[in-house]
Each structure stands twice: as structure tokens, then as C-alpha cells.
């Protein structure tokens, strides 16, 4: 599972720093969630890698970023 998270870091190198452009449409809740998820994804992968032996359940930690982005950040609830 950890290998998959590391593989997903490769596209993040190109698109992660551009997450600040989420605020071009305005300062909405979905923009904040997207930017937060994009900026903290490498941190959660690093934590999962460090603690993989002590607590194997933490290998699912990067999933929190993806679920928050898909559940809260992707649909734009703030304009309704």
C-alpha cells in the first residue's frame, strides 16, 4: 500500500505546487480543502513511511487527504 502512495507522489511534484490556483475563483471552502489536501499529502506519506512498522494501520493515512478532497473539496458546495 505504501508503494502506491509513493507512486502518487510523482504527479504531486508537478501539480501540488499549483494548488494555490484553487483560489482564483474565490476564497471558498472547497478551495481551502483542496489546497490543504494537496499541501499535506507528502507529509502524510512521510508519516506513513516512518511509522509503518510501529503501527501498520497508519499506511492508510494518506487516504484521509484523498477522501477529504473528493468528499468536500471536489464538489463546490459554497456556490449553492
N, C-alpha and C. Protein backbone atom coordinates (compact mmCIF):
# COMPACT_ATOMS: atom_id res chain seq x y z
N UNK A 1 0.83 -1.19 0.00
CA UNK A 1 0.00 0.00 0.00
C UNK A 1 0.88 1.26 0.00
N UNK A 2 1.96 1.20 0.75
CA UNK A 2 2.83 2.36 0.84
C UNK A 2 3.48 2.68 -0.51
N UNK A 3 3.74 1.66 -1.29
CA UNK A 3 4.33 1.87 -2.62
C UNK A 3 3.37 2.68 -3.49
N UNK A 4 2.08 2.41 -3.37
CA UNK A 4 1.09 3.16 -4.16
C UNK A 4 1.10 4.64 -3.78
N UNK A 5 1.23 4.93 -2.47
CA UNK A 5 1.24 6.33 -2.06
C UNK A 5 2.47 7.05 -2.58
N UNK A 6 3.60 6.35 -2.60
CA UNK A 6 4.83 6.96 -3.11
C UNK A 6 4.73 7.20 -4.61
N UNK A 7 4.12 6.26 -5.32
CA UNK A 7 3.92 6.45 -6.77
C UNK A 7 3.03 7.66 -7.03
N UNK A 8 2.04 7.86 -6.18
CA UNK A 8 1.16 9.02 -6.35
C UNK A 8 1.85 10.34 -6.01
N UNK A 9 3.02 10.27 -5.38
CA UNK A 9 3.77 11.50 -5.13
C UNK A 9 4.39 12.07 -6.40
N UNK A 10 4.60 11.24 -7.41
CA UNK A 10 5.23 11.71 -8.65
C UNK A 10 4.38 12.79 -9.33
N UNK A 11 3.07 12.56 -9.56
CA UNK A 11 2.29 13.66 -10.15
C UNK A 11 2.17 14.86 -9.21
N UNK A 12 2.25 14.59 -7.90
CA UNK A 12 2.14 15.70 -6.96
C UNK A 12 3.29 16.68 -7.15
N UNK A 13 4.46 16.21 -7.54
CA UNK A 13 5.61 17.10 -7.75
C UNK A 13 5.30 18.18 -8.79
N UNK A 14 4.44 17.87 -9.74
CA UNK A 14 4.11 18.83 -10.79
C UNK A 14 2.85 19.63 -10.46
N UNK A 15 1.84 18.96 -9.88
CA UNK A 15 0.55 19.61 -9.67
C UNK A 15 0.33 20.13 -8.25
N UNK A 16 1.07 19.63 -7.30
CA UNK A 16 0.91 20.07 -5.91
C UNK A 16 1.22 21.53 -5.70
N UNK A 17 2.36 22.01 -6.20
CA UNK A 17 2.65 23.43 -6.01
C UNK A 17 1.66 24.37 -6.70
N UNK A 18 0.95 23.88 -7.68
CA UNK A 18 -0.03 24.71 -8.39
C UNK A 18 -1.38 24.74 -7.68
N UNK A 19 -1.48 24.11 -6.52
CA UNK A 19 -2.77 24.06 -5.83
C UNK A 19 -3.22 25.43 -5.34
N UNK A 20 -2.31 26.38 -5.28
CA UNK A 20 -2.70 27.74 -4.91
C UNK A 20 -3.62 28.39 -5.91
N UNK A 21 -3.64 27.88 -7.13
CA UNK A 21 -4.54 28.41 -8.15
C UNK A 21 -5.99 28.07 -7.86
N UNK A 22 -6.25 27.24 -6.87
CA UNK A 22 -7.63 26.92 -6.50
C UNK A 22 -8.36 28.16 -6.01
N UNK A 23 -7.62 29.16 -5.56
CA UNK A 23 -8.22 30.39 -5.04
C UNK A 23 -8.50 31.42 -6.13
N UNK A 24 -8.22 31.09 -7.38
CA UNK A 24 -8.51 32.03 -8.47
C UNK A 24 -10.00 32.31 -8.60
N UNK A 25 -10.83 31.33 -8.29
CA UNK A 25 -12.27 31.51 -8.39
C UNK A 25 -12.88 32.16 -7.17
N UNK A 26 -12.12 32.37 -6.15
CA UNK A 26 -12.61 32.97 -4.92
C UNK A 26 -12.16 32.14 -3.72
N UNK A 27 -12.37 32.71 -2.56
CA UNK A 27 -11.94 32.05 -1.33
C UNK A 27 -13.09 31.22 -0.77
N UNK A 28 -13.31 30.08 -1.38
CA UNK A 28 -14.39 29.19 -0.97
C UNK A 28 -13.84 28.05 -0.13
N UNK A 29 -14.74 27.41 0.62
CA UNK A 29 -14.38 26.27 1.46
C UNK A 29 -13.72 25.18 0.64
N UNK A 30 -14.23 24.91 -0.55
CA UNK A 30 -13.67 23.84 -1.38
C UNK A 30 -12.24 24.17 -1.80
N UNK A 31 -11.92 25.42 -2.00
CA UNK A 31 -10.55 25.81 -2.36
C UNK A 31 -9.60 25.58 -1.19
N UNK A 32 -10.05 25.90 0.01
CA UNK A 32 -9.22 25.66 1.18
C UNK A 32 -8.98 24.17 1.40
N UNK A 33 -10.01 23.36 1.25
CA UNK A 33 -9.86 21.91 1.46
C UNK A 33 -8.93 21.33 0.40
N UNK A 34 -9.07 21.76 -0.84
CA UNK A 34 -8.19 21.25 -1.89
C UNK A 34 -6.74 21.64 -1.63
N UNK A 35 -6.51 22.89 -1.29
CA UNK A 35 -5.14 23.35 -1.04
C UNK A 35 -4.55 22.64 0.17
N UNK A 36 -5.33 22.49 1.23
CA UNK A 36 -4.85 21.79 2.42
C UNK A 36 -4.52 20.34 2.10
N UNK A 37 -5.38 19.67 1.35
CA UNK A 37 -5.13 18.27 1.00
C UNK A 37 -3.89 18.13 0.12
N UNK A 38 -3.71 19.03 -0.80
CA UNK A 38 -2.55 18.95 -1.69
C UNK A 38 -1.25 19.26 -0.96
N UNK A 39 -1.28 20.22 -0.06
CA UNK A 39 -0.05 20.60 0.64
C UNK A 39 0.36 19.61 1.71
N UNK A 40 -0.59 18.91 2.32
CA UNK A 40 -0.24 17.98 3.40
C UNK A 40 -0.10 16.54 2.93
N UNK A 41 -0.34 16.26 1.65
CA UNK A 41 -0.23 14.88 1.17
C UNK A 41 1.19 14.33 1.34
N UNK A 42 2.25 15.04 0.96
CA UNK A 42 3.61 14.49 1.18
C UNK A 42 3.91 14.26 2.66
N UNK A 43 3.39 15.10 3.53
CA UNK A 43 3.60 14.92 4.96
C UNK A 43 2.95 13.62 5.45
N UNK A 44 1.73 13.34 4.99
CA UNK A 44 1.06 12.11 5.42
C UNK A 44 1.75 10.87 4.85
N UNK A 45 2.28 10.96 3.64
CA UNK A 45 3.04 9.83 3.08
C UNK A 45 4.31 9.61 3.89
N UNK A 46 4.98 10.67 4.26
CA UNK A 46 6.18 10.55 5.08
C UNK A 46 5.90 9.96 6.44
N UNK A 47 4.81 10.38 7.07
CA UNK A 47 4.43 9.82 8.36
C UNK A 47 4.07 8.35 8.24
N UNK A 48 3.38 7.98 7.16
CA UNK A 48 3.04 6.57 6.95
C UNK A 48 4.30 5.74 6.76
N UNK A 49 5.28 6.30 6.08
CA UNK A 49 6.54 5.57 5.86
C UNK A 49 7.32 5.42 7.17
N UNK A 50 7.36 6.45 7.98
CA UNK A 50 8.12 6.41 9.23
C UNK A 50 7.50 5.44 10.23
N UNK A 51 6.17 5.46 10.35
CA UNK A 51 5.50 4.66 11.36
C UNK A 51 4.93 3.34 10.85
N UNK A 52 5.36 2.88 9.68
CA UNK A 52 4.78 1.67 9.11
C UNK A 52 5.07 0.42 9.95
N UNK A 53 6.16 0.38 10.67
CA UNK A 53 6.49 -0.79 11.50
C UNK A 53 5.79 -0.72 12.86
N UNK A 54 5.69 0.47 13.43
CA UNK A 54 5.09 0.62 14.76
C UNK A 54 3.58 0.48 14.73
N UNK A 55 2.97 1.04 13.71
CA UNK A 55 1.51 1.00 13.59
C UNK A 55 1.16 0.81 12.12
N UNK A 56 0.97 -0.44 11.68
CA UNK A 56 0.71 -0.69 10.27
C UNK A 56 -0.57 -0.02 9.73
N UNK A 57 -1.50 0.30 10.61
CA UNK A 57 -2.74 0.95 10.16
C UNK A 57 -2.47 2.36 9.64
N UNK A 58 -1.35 2.96 10.02
CA UNK A 58 -1.04 4.31 9.54
C UNK A 58 -0.65 4.34 8.06
N UNK A 59 -0.51 3.18 7.43
CA UNK A 59 -0.23 3.20 5.99
C UNK A 59 -1.44 3.72 5.22
N UNK A 60 -2.59 3.77 5.87
CA UNK A 60 -3.79 4.32 5.22
C UNK A 60 -3.96 5.82 5.49
N UNK A 61 -3.02 6.43 6.17
CA UNK A 61 -3.11 7.86 6.50
C UNK A 61 -3.24 8.76 5.27
N UNK A 62 -2.52 8.53 4.17
CA UNK A 62 -2.70 9.41 3.01
C UNK A 62 -4.10 9.32 2.40
N UNK A 63 -4.83 8.28 2.73
CA UNK A 63 -6.20 8.16 2.23
C UNK A 63 -7.09 9.27 2.77
N UNK A 64 -6.75 9.79 3.95
CA UNK A 64 -7.53 10.88 4.54
C UNK A 64 -7.51 12.10 3.62
N UNK A 65 -6.35 12.42 3.06
CA UNK A 65 -6.26 13.57 2.16
C UNK A 65 -7.11 13.36 0.91
N UNK A 66 -7.08 12.17 0.37
CA UNK A 66 -7.83 11.90 -0.86
C UNK A 66 -9.33 11.91 -0.60
N UNK A 67 -9.75 11.32 0.52
CA UNK A 67 -11.18 11.29 0.85
C UNK A 67 -11.71 12.70 1.11
N UNK A 68 -10.94 13.50 1.83
CA UNK A 68 -11.38 14.88 2.08
C UNK A 68 -11.48 15.68 0.79
N UNK A 69 -10.52 15.48 -0.10
CA UNK A 69 -10.56 16.21 -1.36
C UNK A 69 -11.75 15.78 -2.20
N UNK A 70 -12.01 14.49 -2.28
CA UNK A 70 -13.13 14.00 -3.09
C UNK A 70 -14.47 14.31 -2.44
N UNK A 71 -14.54 14.22 -1.12
CA UNK A 71 -15.81 14.41 -0.45
C UNK A 71 -16.20 15.84 -0.20
N UNK A 72 -15.23 16.68 0.09
CA UNK A 72 -15.53 18.06 0.46
C UNK A 72 -15.01 19.05 -0.57
N UNK A 73 -13.81 18.82 -1.06
CA UNK A 73 -13.18 19.80 -1.92
C UNK A 73 -13.62 19.75 -3.36
N UNK A 74 -13.93 18.58 -3.87
CA UNK A 74 -14.27 18.46 -5.29
C UNK A 74 -15.63 19.08 -5.62
N UNK A 75 -16.72 18.69 -4.93
CA UNK A 75 -17.98 19.38 -5.24
C UNK A 75 -17.97 20.78 -4.64
N UNK A 76 -18.40 21.73 -5.40
CA UNK A 76 -18.36 23.11 -4.94
C UNK A 76 -19.68 23.45 -4.26
N UNK A 77 -19.77 23.13 -2.97
CA UNK A 77 -20.99 23.38 -2.20
C UNK A 77 -21.17 24.85 -1.88
N UNK A 78 -20.13 25.63 -1.97
CA UNK A 78 -20.21 27.01 -1.50
C UNK A 78 -20.98 27.93 -2.43
N UNK A 79 -21.24 27.52 -3.65
CA UNK A 79 -21.95 28.42 -4.57
C UNK A 79 -23.45 28.13 -4.60
N UNK A 80 -23.91 27.17 -3.83
CA UNK A 80 -25.33 26.81 -3.85
C UNK A 80 -26.07 27.43 -2.70
